[in-house]
């Protein structure tokens, strides 16, 4: 019994320490990812402001700035807590240095813009220091992930080995000794009572669920952590079968593990399992089982349960975050490439015209991205999209472009619908300014929306008072290309019609918003 106490006293703290090491290694990788996301959001907001010159784009930058400070403080604390010879410590310090330089580069560009204007700021950005810093941050984060993964895996292996060869043996010894004590098979009752009390205290405070079942799978003992995992209330249901005392979401897996352990004495059996309930409330467990061998045959089986919910959630969140970042970056790159290609085709080799076209379209895209960034990329209201996309043409009190819509709840658009509609409206307004109703003082444009059956939205663009249209355009430009494909990637593709009346263009869009 004293040997068991010694093993528990030495083994359980070590297991807890190893689990802490693995958790801290994962926390470092998560902290580095958090810092990268904050820097990326700050750069997006700053670049949006530089492109548009509009003050609202600074809000995401400032919010991200606060996140950068918090993430850097957390990483600095992690670095100080690690031993001098820890391989993560110098990498974390390097990450902090490069992140600080990136913050300074973002702030410097904003100061240059305020002092010297856009052209001077462009020269600063073209130097490429910000790009090189982000590339170095990505490299350092990749190195941190690799080191953290190795450290976490080593800690997990060591903890599992300690559990396997120490924790299970200790639990078996403790459980058998306690059960034997209850049956009165020990001499020296006063001394045994004190030892049993200390043993029970150790088992009850262990950071694992521990239970012992006899060879017929009837419960002998279980600690508080095991009872909590199984949802027991009141006293431990000793004497009842394994399938009777375990909840439905744990019974099949643990029963199979217990029987396999009894069939193969000495073999460690383990498996992961998920609890019941909604995904965001579900708990996950790592179970281990090993049979206690008596005189030639298995006398009992010990089950251990470790709660791994936090680890699984953190890993799933990290994977989701990386996937979402990759998805957004790829979409932005593809969109910008398309804008550049179409702008070059429209410019017909004229460099100045290309810069004007591409810059205007890029600013429209930036405004839409800014709107989505403010909403956490959860979509945006239709009225907000119309306001942001048409801001350059609706700013004055005597604006020739009037936007209206139905009263009541405003429909909400998905991120892809926001970006598509913003670019389409930009092209419509630009063409109207060059060739249509907005090209003459007496011209007017109305844009209104209304709900139709089955939740669909009708958006009508109507030009009046502009140059007379004698016949439709002979070929499609980029605006026509966008309009004809608006909302074509929706689950329920939208409908687009264009009518070149003598009074001016009438374009009607019908589409299903995200909420429907």
Protein backbone atom coordinates (compact mmCIF):
# COMPACT_ATOMS: atom_id res chain seq x y z
CA UNK A 1 0.00 0.00 0.00
CA UNK A 2 2.85 2.38 0.80
CA UNK A 3 4.31 1.56 -2.60
CA UNK A 4 1.02 2.45 -4.22
CA UNK A 5 0.90 5.73 -2.32
CA UNK A 6 4.42 6.54 -3.44
CA UNK A 7 3.57 5.75 -7.04
CA UNK A 8 0.50 7.95 -6.89
CA UNK A 9 2.32 10.78 -5.13
CA UNK A 10 5.07 10.71 -7.76
CA UNK A 11 3.04 9.66 -10.80
CA UNK A 12 -0.09 11.81 -10.68
CA UNK A 13 1.75 15.16 -10.32
CA UNK A 14 4.04 14.13 -13.18
CA UNK A 15 1.04 13.28 -15.38
CA UNK A 16 -0.53 16.63 -14.52
CA UNK A 17 2.77 18.37 -15.33
CA UNK A 18 3.07 16.57 -18.68
CA UNK A 19 -0.51 17.44 -19.56
CA UNK A 20 0.27 21.06 -18.71
CA UNK A 21 3.36 20.98 -20.94
CA UNK A 22 1.31 19.75 -23.89
CA UNK A 23 -1.39 22.34 -23.25
CA UNK A 24 1.16 25.15 -22.99
CA UNK A 25 2.79 24.07 -26.26
CA UNK A 26 -0.57 24.22 -28.03
CA UNK A 27 -1.33 27.58 -26.38
CA UNK A 28 1.87 29.01 -27.89
CA UNK A 29 0.85 27.93 -31.41
CA UNK A 30 -2.65 29.30 -30.88
CA UNK A 31 -1.24 32.58 -29.58
CA UNK A 32 1.00 32.91 -32.65
CA UNK A 33 -1.98 32.28 -34.95
CA UNK A 34 -4.01 34.92 -33.04
CA UNK A 35 -1.23 37.48 -33.52
CA UNK A 36 -1.02 36.73 -37.25
CA UNK A 37 -4.79 37.18 -37.72
CA UNK A 38 -4.70 40.50 -35.84
CA UNK A 39 -1.80 41.73 -38.01
CA UNK A 40 -3.60 40.62 -41.18
CA UNK A 41 -6.81 42.43 -40.15
CA UNK A 42 -4.83 45.57 -39.27
CA UNK A 43 -3.09 45.52 -42.64
CA UNK A 44 -6.42 45.01 -44.45
CA UNK A 45 -8.02 47.98 -42.68
CA UNK A 46 -4.97 50.18 -43.21
CA UNK A 47 -4.72 49.32 -46.91
CA UNK A 48 -8.46 49.94 -47.33
CA UNK A 49 -8.04 53.41 -45.85
CA UNK A 50 -5.04 54.17 -48.06
CA UNK A 51 -6.96 53.08 -51.16
CA UNK A 52 -10.19 54.92 -50.38
CA UNK A 53 -9.18 57.73 -48.04
CA UNK A 54 -12.39 57.10 -46.10
CA UNK A 55 -12.25 57.33 -42.30
CA UNK A 56 -14.49 54.27 -41.58
CA UNK A 57 -11.73 51.99 -42.88
CA UNK A 58 -9.57 52.99 -39.93
CA UNK A 59 -11.95 51.41 -37.45
CA UNK A 60 -11.00 47.78 -38.30
CA UNK A 61 -7.36 48.85 -38.23
CA UNK A 62 -7.70 50.35 -34.74
CA UNK A 63 -9.64 47.35 -33.44
CA UNK A 64 -7.00 45.01 -34.83
CA UNK A 65 -4.29 47.19 -33.25
CA UNK A 66 -5.74 46.47 -29.80
CA UNK A 67 -5.77 42.75 -30.64
CA UNK A 68 -2.12 42.93 -31.73
CA UNK A 69 -1.10 44.48 -28.42
CA UNK A 70 -2.95 41.80 -26.44
CA UNK A 71 -1.52 38.97 -28.54
CA UNK A 72 2.05 40.31 -28.26
CA UNK A 73 1.70 40.68 -24.48
CA UNK A 74 0.47 37.09 -24.21
CA UNK A 75 3.35 35.79 -26.36
CA UNK A 76 5.88 37.82 -24.34
CA UNK A 77 4.55 36.23 -21.15
CA UNK A 78 4.79 32.78 -22.72
CA UNK A 79 8.38 33.43 -23.79
CA UNK A 80 9.42 34.55 -20.28
CA UNK A 81 7.84 31.47 -18.70
CA UNK A 82 9.87 29.07 -20.85
CA UNK A 83 13.37 27.90 -19.77
CA UNK A 84 16.42 29.51 -21.36
CA UNK A 85 17.24 26.35 -23.32
CA UNK A 86 13.70 25.92 -24.65
CA UNK A 87 13.81 26.04 -28.51
CA UNK A 88 10.56 28.04 -28.58
CA UNK A 89 11.94 30.95 -26.56
CA UNK A 90 14.23 32.50 -29.23
CA UNK A 91 11.62 31.96 -31.95
CA UNK A 92 8.95 33.71 -29.88
CA UNK A 93 11.29 36.64 -29.26
CA UNK A 94 12.02 36.88 -32.98
CA UNK A 95 8.29 36.83 -33.71
CA UNK A 96 7.74 39.70 -31.26
CA UNK A 97 10.52 41.75 -32.89
CA UNK A 98 9.16 41.27 -36.42
CA UNK A 99 5.56 41.90 -35.26
CA UNK A 100 6.67 45.15 -33.59
CA UNK A 101 8.39 46.18 -36.83
CA UNK A 102 5.22 45.37 -38.80
CA UNK A 103 3.13 47.51 -36.43
CA UNK A 104 5.56 50.35 -36.89
CA UNK A 105 5.41 49.95 -40.70
CA UNK A 106 1.60 50.16 -40.68
CA UNK A 107 1.63 53.24 -38.44
CA UNK A 108 4.39 54.86 -40.51
CA UNK A 109 2.38 54.49 -43.72
CA UNK A 110 -0.63 56.17 -42.08
CA UNK A 111 1.55 59.06 -40.91
CA UNK A 112 3.07 59.44 -44.36
CA UNK A 113 -0.43 59.49 -45.88
CA UNK A 114 -1.53 62.24 -43.47
CA UNK A 115 1.62 64.30 -44.04
CA UNK A 116 2.48 63.80 -47.70
CA UNK A 117 -0.53 62.24 -49.43
CA UNK A 118 -1.23 59.06 -51.37
CA UNK A 119 1.64 59.09 -53.88
CA UNK A 120 4.31 59.42 -51.19
CA UNK A 121 2.62 56.63 -49.24
CA UNK A 122 2.58 54.38 -52.31
CA UNK A 123 6.34 54.80 -52.62
CA UNK A 124 6.74 53.74 -49.00
CA UNK A 125 4.53 50.67 -49.49
CA UNK A 126 6.31 49.73 -52.74
CA UNK A 127 9.60 49.42 -50.82
CA UNK A 128 8.26 46.05 -49.73
CA UNK A 129 9.31 46.09 -46.08
CA UNK A 130 5.77 45.30 -44.94
CA UNK A 131 5.53 42.34 -47.34
CA UNK A 132 8.89 40.99 -46.20
CA UNK A 133 7.85 41.33 -42.57
CA UNK A 134 4.60 39.39 -43.13
CA UNK A 135 6.54 36.67 -44.98
CA UNK A 136 8.97 36.42 -42.06
CA UNK A 137 6.07 36.29 -39.58
CA UNK A 138 4.52 33.43 -41.58
CA UNK A 139 7.87 31.59 -41.52
CA UNK A 140 8.29 32.07 -37.77
CA UNK A 141 4.72 30.93 -37.07
CA UNK A 142 5.35 27.82 -39.16
CA UNK A 143 8.48 27.12 -37.08
CA UNK A 144 6.53 27.69 -33.85
CA UNK A 145 3.82 25.27 -34.97
CA UNK A 146 6.40 22.62 -35.82
CA UNK A 147 8.20 22.96 -32.46
CA UNK A 148 4.88 23.08 -30.55
CA UNK A 149 3.58 19.99 -32.33
CA UNK A 150 6.74 18.07 -31.45
CA UNK A 151 6.64 19.26 -27.80
CA UNK A 152 2.94 18.48 -27.47
CA UNK A 153 3.38 15.02 -29.00
CA UNK A 154 6.30 14.24 -26.69
CA UNK A 155 4.37 15.38 -23.63
CA UNK A 156 1.35 13.34 -24.70
CA UNK A 157 3.49 10.23 -25.28
CA UNK A 158 5.21 10.64 -21.92
CA UNK A 159 1.91 11.21 -20.11
CA UNK A 160 0.35 8.22 -21.84
CA UNK A 161 3.32 6.04 -20.94
CA UNK A 162 3.12 7.24 -17.33
CA UNK A 163 -0.61 6.54 -17.34
CA UNK A 164 -0.05 3.17 -18.94
CA UNK A 165 2.73 1.84 -16.75
CA UNK A 166 2.15 3.96 -13.66
CA UNK A 167 -1.34 5.39 -13.43
CA UNK A 168 -3.18 2.18 -14.30
CA UNK A 169 -1.06 0.04 -11.99
CA UNK A 170 -1.48 2.56 -9.20
CA UNK A 171 -5.22 2.73 -9.76
CA UNK A 172 -5.45 -1.06 -9.72
CA UNK A 173 -3.43 -1.33 -6.52
CA UNK A 174 -5.41 1.42 -4.85
CA UNK A 175 -8.74 -0.01 -5.91
CA UNK A 176 -7.88 -3.59 -4.86
CA UNK A 177 -6.49 -2.43 -1.55
CA UNK A 178 -9.55 -0.30 -0.86
CA UNK A 179 -11.95 -3.09 -1.85
CA UNK A 180 -10.04 -5.59 0.25
CA UNK A 181 -10.13 -3.20 3.19
CA UNK A 182 -13.91 -2.92 2.89
CA UNK A 183 -14.18 -6.70 3.09
CA UNK A 184 -12.23 -6.76 6.29
CA UNK A 185 -9.35 -8.80 4.89
CA UNK A 186 -6.65 -6.61 6.43
CA UNK A 187 -5.33 -6.75 9.94
CA UNK A 188 -4.69 -3.70 12.00
CA UNK A 189 -8.00 -1.93 11.42
CA UNK A 190 -6.96 1.42 12.91
CA UNK A 191 -3.88 1.72 10.72
CA UNK A 192 -5.71 0.41 7.64
CA UNK A 193 -8.54 2.93 8.12
CA UNK A 194 -6.09 5.83 8.06
CA UNK A 195 -4.28 4.47 4.99
CA UNK A 196 -7.60 3.84 3.21
CA UNK A 197 -8.70 7.40 3.93
CA UNK A 198 -5.49 8.79 2.47
CA UNK A 199 -5.80 6.46 -0.52
CA UNK A 200 -9.38 7.53 -1.16
CA UNK A 201 -8.35 11.20 -0.98
CA UNK A 202 -5.63 10.66 -3.60
CA UNK A 203 -7.93 8.72 -5.93
CA UNK A 204 -10.74 11.25 -5.55
CA UNK A 205 -8.49 14.21 -6.38
CA UNK A 206 -6.75 12.54 -9.33
CA UNK A 207 -7.28 14.51 -12.61
CA UNK A 208 -8.70 11.38 -14.25
CA UNK A 209 -11.85 9.34 -13.98
CA UNK A 210 -10.87 6.01 -12.32
CA UNK A 211 -13.15 2.99 -11.90
CA UNK A 212 -12.71 -0.75 -11.30
CA UNK A 213 -15.04 -3.51 -12.45
CA UNK A 214 -14.75 -7.20 -11.53
CA UNK A 215 -14.33 -10.00 -14.07
CA UNK A 216 -18.12 -10.06 -14.63
CA UNK A 217 -18.11 -6.29 -15.24
CA UNK A 218 -19.86 -5.34 -12.00
CA UNK A 219 -18.73 -2.03 -10.51
CA UNK A 220 -16.40 -2.23 -7.52
CA UNK A 221 -15.28 1.38 -6.97
CA UNK A 222 -15.14 4.69 -8.86
CA UNK A 223 -13.83 8.14 -8.04
CA UNK A 224 -15.67 11.45 -8.27
CA UNK A 225 -14.25 12.36 -11.70
CA UNK A 226 -15.54 9.08 -13.17
CA UNK A 227 -18.96 9.59 -11.57
CA UNK A 228 -19.14 13.13 -12.98
CA UNK A 229 -18.24 11.93 -16.48
CA UNK A 230 -21.01 9.33 -16.29
CA UNK A 231 -23.56 11.76 -14.88
CA UNK A 232 -24.19 9.87 -11.64
CA UNK A 233 -26.04 11.59 -8.81
CA UNK A 234 -25.96 10.43 -5.21
CA UNK A 235 -23.88 7.46 -4.06
CA UNK A 236 -21.70 5.32 -6.34
CA UNK A 237 -23.83 2.48 -7.82
CA UNK A 238 -21.45 -0.29 -6.68
CA UNK A 239 -22.47 -3.84 -7.61
CA UNK A 240 -24.36 -2.88 -10.76
CA UNK A 241 -23.19 -3.92 -14.21
CA UNK A 242 -21.15 -1.71 -16.49
CA UNK A 243 -23.97 -1.22 -19.01
CA UNK A 244 -26.37 -0.27 -16.19
CA UNK A 245 -24.19 2.46 -14.68
CA UNK A 246 -22.77 4.04 -17.83
CA UNK A 247 -24.68 6.56 -20.01
CA UNK A 248 -25.66 5.59 -23.53
CA UNK A 249 -22.95 7.68 -25.20
CA UNK A 250 -20.15 5.98 -23.21
CA UNK A 251 -21.45 2.46 -22.58
CA UNK A 252 -20.79 0.87 -26.02
CA UNK A 253 -17.19 2.03 -26.32
CA UNK A 254 -16.24 1.38 -22.68
CA UNK A 255 -17.94 -2.03 -22.66
CA UNK A 256 -16.00 -3.07 -25.76
CA UNK A 257 -12.75 -1.78 -24.22
CA UNK A 258 -13.36 -3.61 -20.93
CA UNK A 259 -14.11 -6.93 -22.62
CA UNK A 260 -11.09 -6.63 -24.91
CA UNK A 261 -8.89 -5.92 -21.88
CA UNK A 262 -10.26 -8.97 -20.03
CA UNK A 263 -9.67 -11.14 -23.11
CA UNK A 264 -6.07 -9.90 -23.38
CA UNK A 265 -4.70 -9.41 -19.84
CA UNK A 266 -1.82 -6.98 -19.69
CA UNK A 267 -2.74 -5.26 -22.97
CA UNK A 268 -3.63 -1.58 -22.87
CA UNK A 269 -6.85 -0.78 -24.75
CA UNK A 270 -7.70 2.84 -25.57
CA UNK A 271 -10.11 4.88 -27.67
CA UNK A 272 -11.55 8.37 -28.07
CA UNK A 273 -15.28 8.97 -27.74
CA UNK A 274 -17.71 11.88 -27.92
CA UNK A 275 -20.52 12.57 -25.50
CA UNK A 276 -24.14 13.38 -26.23
CA UNK A 277 -25.74 16.76 -26.95
CA UNK A 278 -25.26 19.59 -29.45
CA UNK A 279 -21.82 19.86 -31.03
CA UNK A 280 -20.97 23.11 -29.17
CA UNK A 281 -21.83 21.48 -25.80
CA UNK A 282 -20.52 17.98 -26.45
CA UNK A 283 -17.65 16.67 -24.35
CA UNK A 284 -14.95 14.34 -25.66
CA UNK A 285 -13.10 11.65 -23.75
CA UNK A 286 -9.99 9.50 -24.04
CA UNK A 287 -10.55 6.10 -22.43
CA UNK A 288 -8.02 3.48 -21.33
CA UNK A 289 -8.60 -0.03 -20.00
CA UNK A 290 -6.32 -2.74 -18.61
CA UNK A 291 -7.10 -6.00 -16.83
CA UNK A 292 -5.65 -6.75 -13.36
CA UNK A 293 -4.16 -10.23 -13.52
CA UNK A 294 -4.51 -12.50 -10.48
CA UNK A 295 -3.48 -16.12 -10.20
CA UNK A 296 -3.37 -16.95 -13.89
CA UNK A 297 -6.51 -15.10 -14.93
CA UNK A 298 -7.93 -11.62 -15.01
CA UNK A 299 -9.61 -10.66 -11.71
CA UNK A 300 -10.76 -7.14 -12.59
CA UNK A 301 -10.48 -4.39 -15.14
CA UNK A 302 -9.58 -0.76 -14.51
CA UNK A 303 -11.06 2.00 -16.68
CA UNK A 304 -9.63 5.53 -16.94
CA UNK A 305 -11.38 8.53 -18.53
CA UNK A 306 -9.61 11.75 -19.47
CA UNK A 307 -11.57 14.82 -20.62
CA UNK A 308 -10.03 15.99 -23.95
CA UNK A 309 -12.79 18.44 -24.92
CA UNK A 310 -10.63 21.55 -24.66
CA UNK A 311 -7.85 19.97 -26.73
CA UNK A 312 -10.20 18.87 -29.48
CA UNK A 313 -11.98 22.23 -29.55
CA UNK A 314 -8.67 24.10 -29.77
CA UNK A 315 -7.42 21.87 -32.59
CA UNK A 316 -10.72 22.19 -34.49
CA UNK A 317 -10.74 25.99 -34.07
CA UNK A 318 -7.16 26.25 -35.29
CA UNK A 319 -7.88 24.14 -38.37
CA UNK A 320 -11.02 26.16 -39.11
CA UNK A 321 -9.16 29.45 -38.70
CA UNK A 322 -6.38 28.43 -41.06
CA UNK A 323 -8.88 27.09 -43.60
CA UNK A 324 -10.91 30.31 -43.48
CA UNK A 325 -7.79 32.46 -43.91
CA UNK A 326 -6.65 30.40 -46.89
CA UNK A 327 -10.12 30.57 -48.44
CA UNK A 328 -10.38 34.36 -48.09
CA UNK A 329 -6.90 35.01 -49.40
CA UNK A 330 -7.50 32.82 -52.45
CA UNK A 331 -10.82 34.54 -53.16
CA UNK A 332 -9.29 38.01 -52.87
CA UNK A 333 -6.37 37.10 -55.14
CA UNK A 334 -8.71 35.60 -57.76
CA UNK A 335 -11.00 38.65 -57.67
CA UNK A 336 -8.13 41.14 -57.97
CA UNK A 337 -6.63 39.14 -60.85
CA UNK A 338 -9.99 39.23 -62.63
CA UNK A 339 -10.34 42.99 -62.08
CA UNK A 340 -6.82 43.58 -63.40
CA UNK A 341 -7.36 41.44 -66.49
CA UNK A 342 -10.70 43.03 -67.37
CA UNK A 343 -9.37 46.54 -66.71
CA UNK A 344 -6.39 45.92 -68.99
CA UNK A 345 -8.67 44.61 -71.73
CA UNK A 346 -10.93 47.66 -71.38
CA UNK A 347 -7.94 50.06 -71.46
CA UNK A 348 -6.75 48.61 -74.79
CA UNK A 349 -3.10 49.16 -73.90
CA UNK A 350 -3.50 52.66 -72.39
CA UNK A 351 -1.54 52.53 -69.12
CA UNK A 352 -3.09 55.63 -67.56
CA UNK A 353 -6.59 54.44 -68.38
CA UNK A 354 -5.79 51.03 -66.95
CA UNK A 355 -4.66 52.59 -63.66
CA UNK A 356 -7.86 54.63 -63.46
CA UNK A 357 -10.13 51.69 -64.21
CA UNK A 358 -8.28 49.21 -62.02
CA UNK A 359 -7.92 51.68 -59.14
CA UNK A 360 -11.62 52.57 -59.14
CA UNK A 361 -12.68 48.91 -59.20
CA UNK A 362 -10.17 48.03 -56.50
CA UNK A 363 -11.50 50.81 -54.27
CA UNK A 364 -15.04 49.51 -54.79
CA UNK A 365 -13.88 46.03 -53.78
CA UNK A 366 -12.08 47.51 -50.76
CA UNK A 367 -15.25 49.29 -49.63
CA UNK A 368 -17.19 46.03 -49.80
CA UNK A 369 -14.43 44.21 -47.90
CA UNK A 370 -14.47 46.94 -45.27
CA UNK A 371 -18.21 46.48 -44.80
CA UNK A 372 -17.75 42.72 -44.35
CA UNK A 373 -14.80 43.19 -42.00
CA UNK A 374 -16.92 45.40 -39.72
CA UNK A 375 -19.52 42.60 -39.56
CA UNK A 376 -16.96 39.85 -38.95
CA UNK A 377 -17.58 38.43 -42.46
CA UNK A 378 -21.07 37.34 -41.42
CA UNK A 379 -22.73 39.07 -44.39
CA UNK A 380 -24.32 42.53 -44.51
CA UNK A 381 -27.69 44.22 -44.85
CA UNK A 382 -28.81 45.13 -48.39
CA UNK A 383 -29.20 48.81 -47.52
CA UNK A 384 -25.63 48.94 -46.18
CA UNK A 385 -24.32 47.40 -49.40
CA UNK A 386 -26.20 49.98 -51.50
CA UNK A 387 -24.96 52.84 -49.32
CA UNK A 388 -21.30 51.79 -49.39
CA UNK A 389 -21.19 50.80 -53.07
CA UNK A 390 -22.82 54.02 -54.31
CA UNK A 391 -21.24 56.44 -51.81
CA UNK A 392 -19.21 58.30 -54.48
CA UNK A 393 -22.43 59.16 -56.37
CA UNK A 394 -24.90 59.81 -53.53
CA UNK A 395 -22.91 62.07 -51.24
CA UNK A 396 -24.56 65.43 -52.02
CA UNK A 397 -28.02 66.73 -51.19
CA UNK A 398 -28.72 67.33 -54.90
CA UNK A 399 -27.58 63.89 -55.96
CA UNK A 400 -28.99 62.66 -59.26
CA UNK A 401 -28.94 59.07 -57.96
CA UNK A 402 -31.73 58.23 -55.51
CA UNK A 403 -31.92 54.96 -53.54
CA UNK A 404 -35.16 53.74 -51.94
CA UNK A 405 -36.74 50.54 -50.70
CA UNK A 406 -39.57 48.90 -48.76
CA UNK A 407 -40.21 49.52 -45.08
CA UNK A 408 -39.71 46.74 -42.60
CA UNK A 409 -36.93 44.24 -42.05
CA UNK A 410 -33.96 44.71 -44.38
CA UNK A 411 -32.77 41.50 -46.11
CA UNK A 412 -29.29 40.24 -45.32
CA UNK A 413 -26.83 39.16 -48.03
CA UNK A 414 -24.08 36.56 -47.87
CA UNK A 415 -20.41 37.68 -48.24
CA UNK A 416 -20.28 36.51 -51.88
CA UNK A 417 -23.51 38.40 -52.67
CA UNK A 418 -22.13 41.54 -51.00
CA UNK A 419 -18.97 41.50 -53.11
CA UNK A 420 -20.81 40.68 -56.35
CA UNK A 421 -23.51 43.34 -55.90
CA UNK A 422 -20.98 46.01 -54.89
CA UNK A 423 -18.96 45.49 -58.08
CA UNK A 424 -22.09 45.44 -60.25
CA UNK A 425 -23.42 48.70 -58.78
CA UNK A 426 -20.01 50.32 -59.23
CA UNK A 427 -20.02 49.40 -62.94
CA UNK A 428 -23.60 50.59 -63.42
CA UNK A 429 -22.88 53.95 -61.80
CA UNK A 430 -19.59 54.36 -63.68
CA UNK A 431 -21.22 53.64 -67.05
CA UNK A 432 -24.10 55.99 -66.24
CA UNK A 433 -21.56 58.73 -65.44
CA UNK A 434 -19.67 58.20 -68.70
CA UNK A 435 -22.45 57.45 -71.18
CA UNK A 436 -25.85 57.40 -69.43
CA UNK A 437 -28.17 59.49 -67.30
CA UNK A 438 -25.48 60.77 -64.94
CA UNK A 439 -23.45 62.19 -67.83
CA UNK A 440 -25.82 65.18 -68.28
CA UNK A 441 -27.17 67.65 -65.68
CA UNK A 442 -30.82 66.80 -66.28
CA UNK A 443 -30.30 63.04 -66.01
CA UNK A 444 -31.61 61.02 -63.07
CA UNK A 445 -31.14 57.46 -61.75
CA UNK A 446 -33.40 55.64 -59.30
CA UNK A 447 -32.54 52.44 -57.54
CA UNK A 448 -35.22 50.72 -55.47
CA UNK A 449 -35.71 47.27 -53.97
CA UNK A 450 -38.78 45.27 -52.96
CA UNK A 451 -39.67 41.81 -51.70
CA UNK A 452 -41.33 39.25 -53.92
CA UNK A 453 -42.71 35.75 -53.42
CA UNK A 454 -40.68 33.10 -51.58
CA UNK A 455 -38.38 35.68 -50.03
CA UNK A 456 -36.75 36.81 -53.28
CA UNK A 457 -35.63 40.41 -53.74
CA UNK A 458 -36.22 42.60 -56.79
CA UNK A 459 -33.66 45.36 -57.34
CA UNK A 460 -34.43 47.87 -60.13
CA UNK A 461 -31.92 50.31 -61.67
CA UNK A 462 -33.68 52.91 -63.87
CA UNK A 463 -31.99 55.71 -65.85
CA UNK A 464 -33.96 58.69 -67.19
CA UNK A 465 -33.17 61.99 -68.88
CA UNK A 466 -29.83 60.90 -70.32
CA UNK A 467 -28.67 60.72 -73.93
CA UNK A 468 -31.23 58.87 -76.06
CA UNK A 469 -30.42 55.22 -76.75
CA UNK A 470 -31.11 54.39 -80.37
CA UNK A 471 -29.88 50.82 -80.19
CA UNK A 472 -28.33 48.48 -77.61
CA UNK A 473 -24.51 48.42 -77.29
CA UNK A 474 -22.79 46.43 -80.03
CA UNK A 475 -20.58 44.54 -77.59
CA UNK A 476 -20.49 43.77 -73.90
CA UNK A 477 -18.06 45.61 -71.65
CA UNK A 478 -16.91 44.57 -68.19
CA UNK A 479 -20.05 46.00 -66.61
CA UNK A 480 -22.25 43.88 -68.86
CA UNK A 481 -20.06 40.89 -68.06
CA UNK A 482 -20.60 41.40 -64.32
CA UNK A 483 -24.32 42.13 -64.61
CA UNK A 484 -24.98 39.04 -66.70
CA UNK A 485 -23.30 36.84 -64.09
CA UNK A 486 -24.54 38.54 -60.92
CA UNK A 487 -25.57 36.05 -58.27
CA UNK A 488 -24.94 33.17 -60.65
CA UNK A 489 -23.08 31.23 -57.95
CA UNK A 490 -25.94 31.40 -55.41
CA UNK A 491 -27.68 28.22 -54.26
CA UNK A 492 -30.73 29.54 -56.13
CA UNK A 493 -29.18 31.53 -59.03
CA UNK A 494 -30.56 35.00 -59.56
CA UNK A 495 -32.17 36.47 -62.66
CA UNK A 496 -30.93 39.57 -64.48
CA UNK A 497 -32.71 41.50 -67.25
CA UNK A 498 -31.52 44.63 -69.09
CA UNK A 499 -33.69 46.81 -71.27
CA UNK A 500 -32.04 49.64 -73.26
CA UNK A 501 -35.10 51.92 -73.61
CA UNK A 502 -34.88 55.30 -75.42
CA UNK A 503 -35.04 56.96 -71.97
CA UNK A 504 -32.12 54.96 -70.64
CA UNK A 505 -31.05 51.62 -69.24
CA UNK A 506 -33.42 49.65 -67.00
CA UNK A 507 -31.75 46.72 -65.20
CA UNK A 508 -33.73 44.39 -62.94
CA UNK A 509 -32.13 41.87 -60.56
CA UNK A 510 -34.01 39.11 -58.81
CA UNK A 511 -32.14 37.00 -56.25
CA UNK A 512 -32.60 35.11 -53.00
CA UNK A 513 -30.84 36.71 -50.01
CA UNK A 514 -28.92 34.65 -47.47
CA UNK A 515 -31.69 34.73 -44.85
CA UNK A 516 -34.13 32.96 -47.19
